[in-house]
Protein backbone atom coordinates (compact mmCIF):
# COMPACT_ATOMS: atom_id res chain seq x y z
CA MET A 1 13.65 -19.97 7.81
CA GLY A 2 16.12 -18.14 5.66
CA GLY A 3 16.59 -18.33 1.93
CA LYS A 4 13.70 -18.27 -0.49
CA ARG A 5 11.25 -15.35 -0.55
CA MET A 6 8.32 -14.59 -2.83
CA ILE A 7 5.62 -11.97 -3.39
CA VAL A 8 2.46 -12.76 -5.37
CA ILE A 9 0.55 -9.68 -6.56
CA GLY A 10 -3.03 -10.39 -7.58
CA LEU A 11 -4.79 -7.89 -9.84
CA ASP A 12 -8.43 -8.93 -9.77
CA CYS A 13 -9.87 -8.93 -13.33
CA ALA A 14 -6.69 -7.75 -15.14
CA PRO A 15 -6.94 -8.86 -18.80
CA PRO A 16 -4.05 -9.83 -21.11
CA ARG A 17 -5.16 -7.30 -23.73
CA LEU A 18 -4.47 -4.34 -21.45
CA VAL A 19 -1.43 -5.61 -19.54
CA PHE A 20 0.43 -7.34 -22.38
CA ASP A 21 -0.56 -5.01 -25.20
CA ARG A 22 -2.38 -1.71 -24.86
CA TYR A 23 -0.83 -0.37 -21.64
CA ARG A 24 2.46 -2.26 -21.60
CA ASN A 25 4.52 0.71 -22.83
CA GLY A 26 3.24 2.76 -19.85
CA MET A 27 4.15 0.10 -17.27
CA PRO A 28 7.93 -0.11 -17.09
CA ASN A 29 8.01 -2.33 -13.99
CA LEU A 30 5.69 -5.01 -15.33
CA ALA A 31 7.33 -4.77 -18.76
CA ALA A 32 10.74 -5.38 -17.15
CA LEU A 33 9.38 -8.42 -15.29
CA MET A 34 8.08 -9.79 -18.59
CA ASP A 35 11.29 -9.00 -20.47
CA ARG A 36 13.40 -10.99 -18.03
CA GLY A 37 10.89 -13.56 -16.83
CA THR A 38 7.97 -15.77 -17.81
CA TRP A 39 4.54 -14.53 -18.84
CA GLY A 40 1.37 -15.47 -20.67
CA ASN A 41 -2.39 -15.84 -20.50
CA LEU A 42 -3.76 -17.66 -17.45
CA ARG A 43 -6.97 -19.59 -18.14
CA SER A 44 -9.47 -18.93 -15.37
CA SER A 45 -11.58 -21.33 -13.37
CA GLU A 46 -15.07 -22.30 -14.38
CA PRO A 47 -17.00 -20.16 -13.63
CA PRO A 48 -14.51 -17.27 -14.17
CA ILE A 49 -15.66 -15.36 -11.09
CA THR A 50 -13.66 -13.87 -8.18
CA VAL A 51 -15.37 -16.35 -5.87
CA PRO A 52 -14.35 -19.17 -6.55
CA ALA A 53 -11.40 -18.29 -8.84
CA TRP A 54 -8.89 -17.10 -6.20
CA THR A 55 -9.55 -20.17 -4.05
CA CYS A 56 -9.15 -22.47 -7.09
CA MET A 57 -5.85 -20.70 -7.79
CA LEU A 58 -4.52 -21.00 -4.24
CA SER A 59 -5.69 -24.54 -3.46
CA GLY A 60 -5.29 -26.37 -6.78
CA ARG A 61 -8.93 -27.51 -6.53
CA ASP A 62 -11.73 -26.86 -9.01
CA ALA A 63 -14.92 -24.98 -8.07
CA GLY A 64 -16.93 -28.19 -7.81
CA GLU A 65 -14.46 -29.71 -5.35
CA LEU A 66 -14.64 -26.48 -3.34
CA GLY A 67 -18.43 -26.34 -3.54
CA LEU A 68 -18.16 -22.67 -4.56
CA TYR A 69 -20.17 -21.73 -7.64
CA GLY A 70 -20.15 -17.92 -7.36
CA PHE A 71 -20.35 -15.11 -4.83
CA ARG A 72 -23.54 -16.59 -3.48
CA ASN A 73 -24.44 -20.22 -2.92
CA ARG A 74 -27.68 -22.08 -2.30
CA VAL A 75 -28.96 -22.61 1.22
CA PRO A 76 -30.05 -26.26 1.74
CA HIS A 77 -33.85 -26.81 1.95
CA GLU A 78 -34.52 -23.25 0.73
CA THR A 79 -34.55 -21.63 -2.70
CA ARG A 80 -32.53 -18.55 -1.73
CA LEU A 81 -28.77 -17.93 -1.93
CA ARG A 82 -26.42 -16.59 0.71
CA LEU A 83 -23.11 -14.76 0.36
CA ALA A 84 -20.02 -16.96 0.59
CA ASN A 85 -17.37 -16.25 3.23
CA GLY A 86 -14.08 -17.63 4.46
CA ASN A 87 -15.80 -20.33 6.51
CA ASP A 88 -16.88 -21.94 3.22
CA VAL A 89 -13.25 -22.74 2.35
CA ARG A 90 -12.63 -26.22 3.72
CA VAL A 91 -9.31 -26.94 2.01
CA LYS A 92 -5.75 -25.78 2.63
CA ARG A 93 -4.45 -22.86 0.60
CA VAL A 94 -0.86 -22.34 -0.43
CA TRP A 95 0.03 -20.24 2.64
CA ASP A 96 -1.14 -23.12 4.91
CA TRP A 97 1.26 -25.55 3.24
CA LEU A 98 4.12 -23.02 3.38
CA GLY A 99 3.41 -22.31 7.05
CA GLU A 100 3.50 -26.03 7.84
CA GLN A 101 7.01 -26.11 6.36
CA GLY A 102 8.17 -23.33 8.68
CA TYR A 103 7.85 -20.35 6.33
CA ARG A 104 6.43 -17.04 7.54
CA VAL A 105 3.45 -15.99 5.45
CA ALA A 106 1.25 -12.94 4.90
CA ALA A 107 -2.07 -13.12 3.03
CA LEU A 108 -3.43 -9.64 2.32
CA PHE A 109 -6.89 -8.83 0.87
CA VAL A 110 -7.33 -12.27 -0.72
CA PRO A 111 -11.03 -13.04 -1.36
CA LEU A 112 -12.56 -15.50 1.12
CA THR A 113 -10.25 -14.56 3.98
CA SER A 114 -13.04 -13.01 6.02
CA PRO A 115 -13.21 -13.86 8.83
CA PRO A 116 -9.38 -14.05 8.95
CA THR A 117 -7.93 -17.41 9.97
CA PRO A 118 -4.82 -18.22 11.99
CA VAL A 119 -1.71 -18.49 9.81
CA ARG A 120 2.02 -18.61 10.53
CA GLY A 121 2.21 -14.86 10.09
CA GLN A 122 -0.41 -12.27 9.15
CA MET A 123 -3.74 -12.12 7.33
CA VAL A 124 -5.78 -9.06 6.32
CA SER A 125 -9.31 -9.75 5.07
CA GLY A 126 -10.31 -8.75 1.55
CA PHE A 127 -13.22 -6.86 0.04
CA MET A 128 -15.86 -9.22 1.50
CA TRP A 129 -15.09 -8.03 5.03
CA PRO A 130 -18.52 -7.02 6.39
CA GLY A 131 -17.17 -3.96 8.25
CA GLY A 132 -18.18 -2.72 11.69
CA ASP A 133 -16.64 -4.65 14.59
CA SER A 134 -15.92 -7.78 12.54
CA PRO A 135 -12.25 -8.75 12.75
CA TRP A 136 -10.23 -7.95 9.63
CA CYS A 137 -6.73 -8.98 10.73
CA PHE A 138 -4.95 -11.97 12.18
CA PRO A 139 -3.51 -11.45 14.70
CA ARG A 140 -6.16 -8.99 15.89
CA GLU A 141 -3.61 -6.48 17.21
CA LEU A 142 -2.39 -5.94 13.64
CA GLU A 143 -5.61 -3.91 13.07
CA GLY A 144 -4.39 -1.17 15.41
CA GLU A 145 -0.88 -1.18 13.93
CA LEU A 146 -2.19 -0.77 10.39
CA THR A 147 -4.83 1.83 11.28
CA ASP A 148 -2.11 3.93 12.96
CA CYS A 149 -0.13 3.77 9.69
CA VAL A 150 -2.78 4.16 6.99
CA GLY A 151 -6.01 5.27 8.67
CA PRO A 152 -9.33 3.40 8.63
CA TYR A 153 -9.23 0.25 6.51
CA ARG A 154 -10.79 0.51 3.04
CA ALA A 155 -11.83 -3.01 2.06
CA ASP A 156 -13.77 -2.04 -1.06
CA VAL A 157 -15.27 0.86 -3.04
CA GLU A 158 -18.78 1.86 -2.04
CA ASP A 159 -21.42 1.72 -4.76
CA PHE A 160 -19.06 1.15 -7.71
CA ARG A 161 -22.00 0.37 -10.04
CA SER A 162 -23.26 3.93 -10.24
CA ASP A 163 -22.86 7.01 -12.44
CA GLU A 164 -20.61 8.88 -10.00
CA LEU A 165 -17.51 8.10 -12.03
CA ASP A 166 -15.21 10.82 -10.69
CA ARG A 167 -16.00 9.82 -7.10
CA ILE A 168 -15.57 6.12 -7.91
CA TYR A 169 -12.17 6.76 -9.51
CA ARG A 170 -10.95 8.77 -6.50
CA ASP A 171 -12.10 6.00 -4.16
CA ILE A 172 -10.39 3.30 -6.24
CA VAL A 173 -7.08 5.20 -6.26
CA THR A 174 -7.25 5.92 -2.51
CA MET A 175 -8.00 2.27 -1.74
CA THR A 176 -5.30 0.93 -4.08
CA ASP A 177 -2.67 3.23 -2.55
CA GLN A 178 -3.71 2.16 0.96
CA HIS A 179 -3.52 -1.55 0.10
CA PHE A 180 -0.03 -1.27 -1.39
CA GLU A 181 1.05 0.84 1.60
CA ILE A 182 -0.15 -1.93 3.93
CA ALA A 183 1.72 -4.49 1.81
CA GLU A 184 4.96 -2.47 2.09
CA GLN A 185 4.51 -2.09 5.85
CA VAL A 186 3.87 -5.81 6.36
CA TRP A 187 6.79 -6.79 4.10
CA ASN A 188 9.24 -4.46 5.83
CA ARG A 189 8.09 -4.93 9.43
CA LYS A 190 7.01 -8.56 9.56
CA GLN A 191 9.58 -9.99 7.10
CA PRO A 192 7.42 -12.77 5.65
CA ASP A 193 9.01 -15.36 3.38
CA PHE A 194 5.82 -15.44 1.29
CA MET A 195 3.41 -12.55 0.85
CA MET A 196 0.31 -12.37 -1.31
CA ILE A 197 -1.76 -9.26 -2.01
CA VAL A 198 -4.95 -9.04 -4.12
CA GLU A 199 -6.07 -5.63 -5.39
CA ILE A 200 -9.83 -5.55 -6.04
CA GLY A 201 -9.60 -1.98 -7.36
CA VAL A 202 -8.78 -3.30 -10.85
CA ASP A 203 -12.10 -5.17 -11.00
CA ARG A 204 -14.01 -2.13 -9.69
CA PHE A 205 -12.30 0.09 -12.26
CA HIS A 206 -13.27 -2.17 -15.15
CA HIS A 207 -16.91 -2.47 -14.15
CA ALA A 208 -17.20 1.31 -13.85
CA PHE A 209 -15.03 2.47 -16.77
CA TRP A 210 -14.78 -0.32 -19.37
CA ARG A 211 -17.12 1.20 -21.94
CA HIS A 212 -15.23 4.50 -21.69
CA ILE A 213 -11.78 2.95 -22.24
CA ASP A 214 -12.60 0.17 -24.75
CA PRO A 215 -13.10 1.43 -28.34
CA GLU A 216 -14.74 -1.93 -29.20
CA HIS A 217 -17.50 -1.54 -26.61
CA PRO A 218 -20.87 -1.13 -28.38
CA ARG A 219 -21.67 1.94 -26.23
CA HIS A 220 -18.20 3.54 -26.38
CA ALA A 221 -18.08 7.28 -27.10
CA ASP A 222 -14.77 8.27 -28.68
CA VAL A 223 -14.83 11.63 -26.96
CA ASN A 224 -15.36 11.13 -23.24
CA PRO A 225 -13.70 12.56 -20.12
CA TRP A 226 -12.58 9.15 -18.82
CA LYS A 227 -10.98 7.79 -21.99
CA ASN A 228 -7.42 7.91 -20.59
CA ARG A 229 -8.26 6.81 -17.06
CA GLY A 230 -7.32 3.21 -17.89
CA ARG A 231 -3.77 4.11 -18.80
CA GLU A 232 -3.59 6.40 -15.77
CA TYR A 233 -4.79 3.73 -13.32
CA TYR A 234 -2.56 1.01 -14.77
CA GLN A 235 0.42 3.37 -14.51
CA LEU A 236 -0.42 3.89 -10.84
CA LEU A 237 -0.59 0.11 -10.33
CA ASP A 238 2.75 -0.31 -12.09
CA ALA A 239 4.39 2.37 -9.93
CA ARG A 240 3.11 0.70 -6.74
CA ILE A 241 4.27 -2.73 -7.99
CA GLY A 242 7.68 -1.16 -8.73
CA ARG A 243 7.93 0.15 -5.16
CA LEU A 244 7.03 -3.26 -3.75
CA CYS A 245 9.57 -4.98 -6.01
CA ALA A 246 12.25 -2.48 -4.92
CA ALA A 247 11.49 -3.23 -1.27
CA ALA A 248 11.66 -6.96 -2.04
CA GLY A 249 15.02 -6.88 -3.81
CA GLU A 250 16.30 -8.99 -6.68
CA ASP A 251 16.52 -12.20 -4.66
CA THR A 252 12.75 -12.28 -4.15
CA ALA A 253 10.63 -14.02 -6.76
CA ILE A 254 7.72 -11.89 -7.97
CA MET A 255 4.55 -13.30 -9.48
CA VAL A 256 1.71 -11.13 -10.86
CA VAL A 257 -1.58 -12.90 -11.56
CA SER A 258 -5.23 -12.23 -12.24
CA ASP A 259 -8.15 -14.50 -11.51
CA HIS A 260 -9.96 -13.83 -14.81
CA GLY A 261 -10.01 -11.25 -17.59
CA ALA A 262 -12.48 -8.61 -18.71
CA ARG A 263 -14.37 -7.93 -21.91
CA ALA A 264 -17.07 -5.59 -23.17
CA MET A 265 -20.51 -6.50 -21.89
CA HIS A 266 -22.90 -6.26 -24.84
CA GLY A 267 -25.96 -6.85 -22.70
CA GLY A 268 -27.73 -9.62 -20.88
CA PHE A 269 -29.80 -12.71 -21.63
CA CYS A 270 -32.93 -12.81 -19.43
CA ILE A 271 -32.78 -16.45 -18.47
CA ASN A 272 -35.88 -16.46 -16.23
CA GLU A 273 -37.90 -14.72 -18.96
CA TRP A 274 -36.77 -17.50 -21.31
CA LEU A 275 -37.79 -20.17 -18.78
CA ILE A 276 -41.21 -18.50 -18.44
CA GLN A 277 -41.65 -18.39 -22.23
CA LYS A 278 -40.70 -22.05 -22.53
CA GLY A 279 -43.07 -23.10 -19.76
CA TYR A 280 -40.46 -24.20 -17.20
CA LEU A 281 -41.07 -21.32 -14.74
CA SER A 282 -44.55 -20.26 -13.69
CA LEU A 283 -45.45 -17.05 -11.80
CA ARG A 284 -48.75 -16.54 -9.99
CA GLU A 285 -48.91 -13.00 -11.38
CA THR A 286 -46.90 -10.86 -13.76
CA PRO A 287 -44.65 -8.39 -11.89
CA ALA A 288 -45.80 -4.76 -12.09
CA ALA A 289 -42.29 -3.65 -13.03
CA PRO A 290 -39.04 -5.41 -14.05
CA GLY A 291 -37.05 -6.61 -11.06
CA PRO A 292 -35.38 -9.58 -9.37
CA LEU A 293 -37.33 -12.84 -9.37
CA ASP A 294 -39.48 -12.77 -6.23
CA HIS A 295 -39.59 -16.36 -5.02
CA ALA A 296 -42.87 -15.61 -3.22
CA LEU A 297 -44.47 -14.97 -6.66
CA VAL A 298 -43.34 -18.30 -8.12
CA ASP A 299 -46.09 -20.87 -8.60
CA TRP A 300 -43.88 -23.66 -7.30
CA PRO A 301 -46.18 -26.66 -7.93
CA ARG A 302 -46.28 -25.66 -11.63
CA THR A 303 -42.56 -24.75 -11.89
CA THR A 304 -39.94 -27.13 -13.29
CA ALA A 305 -36.88 -24.83 -13.13
CA TRP A 306 -35.71 -21.33 -12.29
CA ALA A 307 -32.38 -19.55 -12.58
CA GLU A 308 -30.00 -17.23 -10.80
CA GLY A 309 -28.32 -14.59 -12.95
CA GLY A 310 -24.81 -13.17 -12.87
CA TYR A 311 -21.81 -13.65 -15.14
CA TYR A 312 -23.38 -16.98 -16.03
CA ALA A 313 -26.76 -18.58 -15.31
CA ARG A 314 -27.27 -21.22 -12.69
CA ILE A 315 -30.37 -23.23 -13.43
CA PHE A 316 -31.97 -25.23 -10.63
CA LEU A 317 -34.64 -27.86 -11.12
CA ASN A 318 -37.53 -27.68 -8.66
CA LEU A 319 -36.74 -31.13 -7.36
CA ALA A 320 -39.11 -33.06 -5.11
CA GLY A 321 -37.45 -33.78 -1.76
CA ARG A 322 -34.79 -31.10 -2.27
CA GLU A 323 -36.74 -27.88 -2.85
CA PRO A 324 -39.47 -26.92 -0.34
CA ALA A 325 -42.26 -27.33 -2.95
CA GLY A 326 -40.45 -29.60 -5.38
CA ALA A 327 -42.43 -30.63 -8.46
CA VAL A 328 -39.91 -32.69 -10.46
CA ALA A 329 -39.71 -36.35 -9.44
CA PRO A 330 -36.12 -37.59 -9.00
CA ASP A 331 -36.54 -40.17 -11.76
CA ARG A 332 -37.38 -37.36 -14.22
CA VAL A 333 -34.26 -35.29 -13.51
CA ARG A 334 -32.08 -36.61 -16.30
CA GLY A 335 -34.81 -36.35 -18.93
CA VAL A 336 -35.85 -32.82 -17.90
CA ARG A 337 -32.26 -31.67 -17.80
CA ASP A 338 -31.45 -33.12 -21.21
CA GLU A 339 -34.52 -31.44 -22.69
CA LEU A 340 -33.58 -28.10 -21.09
CA ARG A 341 -30.06 -28.43 -22.38
CA ARG A 342 -31.23 -29.11 -25.95
CA GLU A 343 -33.58 -26.13 -25.90
CA LEU A 344 -30.91 -23.83 -24.44
CA GLU A 345 -28.46 -24.79 -27.16
CA TYR A 346 -30.99 -23.41 -29.67
CA ALA A 347 -31.82 -20.26 -27.67
CA ARG A 348 -32.73 -17.21 -29.74
CA ASN A 349 -32.94 -13.49 -29.06
CA ASP A 350 -36.01 -11.27 -29.54
CA ARG A 351 -35.32 -11.03 -33.28
CA GLY A 352 -35.22 -14.81 -33.65
CA GLU A 353 -31.42 -14.97 -34.08
CA ARG A 354 -29.42 -17.78 -32.46
CA VAL A 355 -27.53 -16.84 -29.28
CA PRO A 356 -24.36 -18.92 -28.82
CA VAL A 357 -24.80 -20.85 -25.57
CA LEU A 358 -22.42 -23.11 -23.62
CA VAL A 359 -24.20 -25.48 -21.22
CA ARG A 360 -22.43 -27.56 -18.58
CA ALA A 361 -23.67 -30.15 -16.10
CA PRO A 362 -21.47 -29.75 -12.99
CA GLU A 363 -21.00 -33.46 -12.21
CA GLU A 364 -19.88 -34.11 -15.80
CA TYR A 365 -17.35 -31.29 -15.73
CA TYR A 366 -15.86 -31.09 -12.21
CA ARG A 367 -13.85 -33.79 -10.46
CA GLN A 368 -16.51 -33.63 -7.72
CA ALA A 369 -19.60 -31.43 -7.31
CA ARG A 370 -19.75 -30.63 -3.62
CA GLY A 371 -22.01 -28.28 -1.72
CA PHE A 372 -25.13 -27.30 -3.66
CA PRO A 373 -24.22 -27.25 -7.37
CA PRO A 374 -26.61 -25.85 -9.97
CA ASP A 375 -28.27 -28.46 -12.15
CA LEU A 376 -26.99 -26.64 -15.25
CA MET A 377 -24.40 -23.89 -15.75
CA VAL A 378 -25.04 -21.68 -18.79
CA TYR A 379 -22.78 -19.11 -20.50
CA PHE A 380 -24.17 -16.77 -23.16
CA ASP A 381 -22.35 -15.64 -26.31
CA GLU A 382 -18.84 -16.38 -25.00
CA LEU A 383 -19.46 -14.04 -22.04
CA LYS A 384 -20.46 -11.07 -24.19
CA LEU A 385 -23.83 -11.37 -22.46
CA ARG A 386 -24.43 -11.63 -18.72
CA ALA A 387 -27.22 -13.82 -17.39
CA ILE A 388 -30.06 -11.61 -16.16
CA GLY A 389 -32.21 -13.15 -13.44
CA SER A 390 -34.78 -10.35 -13.39
CA VAL A 391 -38.31 -10.88 -14.67
CA GLY A 392 -40.93 -8.49 -16.04
CA THR A 393 -38.76 -7.12 -18.85
CA GLY A 394 -40.83 -8.90 -21.49
CA ARG A 395 -37.60 -9.31 -23.46
CA LEU A 396 -34.97 -12.01 -23.84
CA VAL A 397 -31.94 -9.78 -24.46
CA VAL A 398 -31.46 -6.43 -22.73
CA GLU A 399 -28.69 -3.87 -22.96
CA ALA A 400 -28.02 -3.17 -19.28
CA ASN A 401 -27.03 -5.16 -16.22
CA ASP A 402 -29.86 -5.48 -13.70
CA SER A 403 -27.60 -4.62 -10.74
CA GLY A 404 -26.58 -1.11 -11.86
CA PRO A 405 -24.41 0.55 -14.53
CA ASP A 406 -21.75 -1.87 -15.75
CA GLY A 407 -19.67 -1.92 -18.92
CA CYS A 408 -17.75 -5.14 -18.51
CA ASN A 409 -18.24 -8.85 -18.15
CA HIS A 410 -15.59 -11.33 -17.07
CA ASP A 411 -13.48 -13.17 -19.63
CA TRP A 412 -11.83 -16.58 -19.61
CA ASP A 413 -8.16 -15.51 -19.59
CA GLY A 414 -6.32 -13.63 -16.89
CA ILE A 415 -2.56 -12.98 -16.69
CA LEU A 416 0.56 -14.66 -15.29
CA ILE A 417 3.90 -12.84 -15.03
CA MET A 418 6.83 -14.00 -12.94
CA GLY A 419 10.48 -13.16 -12.61
CA GLY A 420 13.39 -12.65 -10.22
CA GLY A 421 14.53 -14.85 -7.36
CA GLY A 422 15.86 -17.61 -9.60
CA VAL A 423 12.54 -18.22 -11.40
CA PRO A 424 13.16 -19.73 -14.87
CA VAL A 425 13.15 -17.26 -17.78
CA ARG A 426 10.85 -18.70 -20.43
CA GLY A 427 9.52 -15.57 -22.14
CA ARG A 428 5.96 -15.88 -23.40
CA ILE A 429 4.30 -19.19 -22.51
CA GLU A 430 1.09 -20.82 -23.72
CA GLY A 431 -1.38 -23.04 -21.92
CA ALA A 432 -1.02 -21.81 -18.32
CA GLU A 433 -4.08 -22.33 -16.13
CA ILE A 434 -5.22 -20.86 -12.84
CA TYR A 435 -4.50 -24.20 -11.14
CA ASP A 436 -0.80 -23.89 -12.05
CA VAL A 437 -0.21 -21.08 -9.53
CA THR A 438 -0.08 -23.21 -6.36
CA PRO A 439 2.29 -25.91 -7.70
CA THR A 440 4.49 -23.13 -9.15
CA ILE A 441 4.67 -21.28 -5.81
CA LEU A 442 5.49 -24.50 -3.96
CA GLY A 443 8.03 -25.38 -6.65
CA ALA A 444 9.74 -22.00 -6.18
CA PHE A 445 10.20 -22.94 -2.51
CA GLY A 446 11.46 -26.40 -3.45
CA LEU A 447 8.43 -28.11 -1.90
CA ALA A 448 6.66 -31.20 -3.22
CA ARG A 449 3.10 -30.76 -4.48
CA PRO A 450 0.38 -32.03 -2.14
CA PRO A 451 -1.43 -35.12 -3.47
CA GLY A 452 -4.52 -34.59 -5.58
CA ILE A 453 -4.08 -30.95 -6.60
CA LEU A 454 -4.46 -29.77 -10.17
CA GLY A 455 -1.97 -27.78 -12.25
CA ARG A 456 1.61 -27.82 -13.47
CA ASP A 457 4.72 -26.33 -11.89
CA TRP A 458 6.26 -23.72 -14.24
CA THR A 459 9.52 -23.65 -12.27
CA LEU A 460 10.41 -27.11 -13.64
């Protein structure tokens, strides 16, 4: 089909504070898009995590409807989690609807596109590609074409939670350049009507470098060799976005989005330690050293609840008939959960000071709670604190992440910028949400919104 064309550029974890304020004067291409387009904060999904946020954005469904509550999800009849993959997405995404209407599409590096699925065009898997002989392109022959152009595919940065900051930065830059090179090749050679690219390098950069670039971080040193790397990396992103926009031309609508923001991580709340202290979680023996909760050490008949850590805590009740050694009778669930909720809302740190806590029950919050939802979802101190699942620390609040060096936690607001291709010029907008992206893309192509999806169309 001729006519309308659009490129959506996803910058995983890009926060408004850096893009709209601190680095804006070093990013002429994004600044120009803002000056003659529409832009503003984009409220993330709940939870504000890469998986499920990109799928919420591209399907107009909330995380409960998707049954995706984080990178990893519970395995039925077991207590462990497994990594999510593309097979867990059971709804159409925006490129499916566009393809059905005859548009050529290309979905590049979008989370939960591994394994790649047939589309009316091309797909390149994102950072969750497992590597090896697993397919990373649809159609499969695209793998050879791209490798001939850009060398072996770099899906992600190895070991980005480590102290090898110079090596990590080089790897991020190399990967980002390769991804934008692939995007240019696909745009020019395959001529899609709609192309979407997601750059995970932004997220990896923030986790590795946030405390070095953010003067408000509690462990920021004003003199450090990486202080200006943020401006440098964002300038590189802007230059690559400028090249892609130039290849696209003025008749192509451009949208730049992020799935969530970033903020200084002040530390972590040890949720399983708290559950042990409160008598909800019982271990057969105290671990010799701090480490992840070993489910083999849990005294399941005497355990009411345990938690998984991460950007937020997922608390699961040890429910009879659901968990292998369930101890909580189904008729006690509501009472136990209400009691847990009340106690969490008065949680304190090791010095006895209140820790601000937001507690959600999935079925009260989501339109549906599919898959295996947690019994409670818990956010600590407005995301200043991660949830730490490890036990054996003997403390409730710790300074460091338990999965390696990390200076940043996710934040509720990402970014939305769009311009060109006849998109309305609104200047700065308020109140945009991640669910608005799909209806806005479809609106730009003049297509009706599918029934039942969330979000508003900002082209109207």
